[in-house]
Amino acid sequence: MNDANESQINEWQEEVEYLVGVLKESFESSDARYSVDELNDILYVELEGLNDYSEEEIVEIAEPILEEAELDFEDIILLPL
């Protein structure tokens, strides 16, 4: 792997981790983790305490954050941890 590819991968991973951190903070979660389904181009974000929010509250909180994210996933799915 050349340095340019490695740099792009590291930058992408930092962006994903930043997004997960913002979501964690926004939902006042004590823990969060993520996984990527590369085949289907989906990011799964698991957040502690997400089940304390209604679907409407989740959309209201997450939608502006996800719209600002510059990550190119087919879908980003939030799940309770």
Protein backbone atom coordinates (compact mmCIF):
# COMPACT_ATOMS: atom_id res chain seq x y z
CA MET A 1 0.00 0.00 0.00
CA ASN A 2 1.45 3.34 -0.91
CA ASP A 3 1.54 6.34 1.40
CA ALA A 4 -1.23 8.22 -0.49
CA ASN A 5 -3.67 5.32 -0.10
CA GLU A 6 -2.74 4.85 3.54
CA SER A 7 -3.20 8.56 4.15
CA GLN A 8 -6.66 8.51 2.52
CA ILE A 9 -7.69 5.49 4.58
CA ASN A 10 -6.50 7.14 7.79
CA GLU A 11 -8.32 10.36 6.90
CA TRP A 12 -11.53 8.44 6.12
CA GLN A 13 -11.29 6.53 9.41
CA GLU A 14 -10.78 9.78 11.33
CA GLU A 15 -13.89 11.24 9.66
CA VAL A 16 -15.96 8.17 10.60
CA GLU A 17 -14.69 8.29 14.19
CA TYR A 18 -15.44 12.02 14.37
CA LEU A 19 -19.01 11.42 13.15
CA VAL A 20 -19.49 8.62 15.69
CA GLY A 21 -18.14 10.92 18.43
CA VAL A 22 -20.54 13.72 17.47
CA LEU A 23 -23.47 11.29 17.47
CA LYS A 24 -22.34 9.87 20.82
CA GLU A 25 -22.23 13.35 22.32
CA SER A 26 -25.53 14.41 20.74
CA PHE A 27 -27.36 11.41 22.16
CA GLU A 28 -25.53 11.70 25.51
CA SER A 29 -24.31 8.12 25.08
CA SER A 30 -21.76 6.67 27.45
CA ASP A 31 -20.49 4.28 24.77
CA ALA A 32 -20.55 3.98 21.00
CA ARG A 33 -19.07 1.76 18.34
CA TYR A 34 -19.37 1.37 14.61
CA SER A 35 -18.93 -1.16 11.86
CA VAL A 36 -18.85 -0.87 8.10
CA ASP A 37 -20.57 -3.22 5.68
CA GLU A 38 -18.26 -2.61 2.73
CA LEU A 39 -20.22 -4.87 0.39
CA ASN A 40 -23.42 -2.81 0.81
CA ASP A 41 -21.65 0.47 1.64
CA ILE A 42 -23.47 0.88 4.97
CA LEU A 43 -22.18 2.40 8.20
CA TYR A 44 -23.73 0.98 11.37
CA VAL A 45 -23.40 3.15 14.46
CA GLU A 46 -24.36 1.63 17.81
CA LEU A 47 -25.09 4.11 20.59
CA GLU A 48 -25.61 3.38 24.29
CA GLY A 49 -29.01 4.70 25.40
CA LEU A 50 -30.39 5.23 21.89
CA ASN A 51 -33.48 3.22 22.87
CA ASP A 52 -34.33 6.03 25.34
CA TYR A 53 -35.28 8.23 22.36
CA SER A 54 -38.37 8.04 20.19
CA GLU A 55 -37.93 7.58 16.45
CA GLU A 56 -38.94 11.21 15.91
CA GLU A 57 -36.34 12.44 18.42
CA ILE A 58 -33.64 10.32 16.77
CA VAL A 59 -34.44 11.77 13.35
CA GLU A 60 -34.58 15.31 14.76
CA ILE A 61 -31.17 14.95 16.42
CA ALA A 62 -29.34 12.85 13.83
CA GLU A 63 -30.60 14.24 10.53
CA PRO A 64 -28.71 17.57 10.63
CA ILE A 65 -25.53 15.79 11.74
CA LEU A 66 -25.74 13.20 8.99
CA GLU A 67 -26.52 15.84 6.36
CA GLU A 68 -23.33 17.71 7.29
CA ALA A 69 -21.19 14.56 7.22
CA GLU A 70 -19.11 14.31 4.08
CA LEU A 71 -18.96 10.53 4.18
CA ASP A 72 -20.12 8.70 1.09
CA PHE A 73 -22.14 5.77 2.45
CA GLU A 74 -25.24 4.38 0.79
CA ASP A 75 -26.85 4.42 4.24
CA ILE A 76 -25.97 5.18 7.86
CA ILE A 77 -27.96 3.16 10.37
CA LEU A 78 -28.19 4.00 14.07
CA LEU A 79 -28.74 1.10 16.47
CA PRO A 80 -28.99 0.83 20.26
CA LEU A 81 -25.91 -0.61 21.94
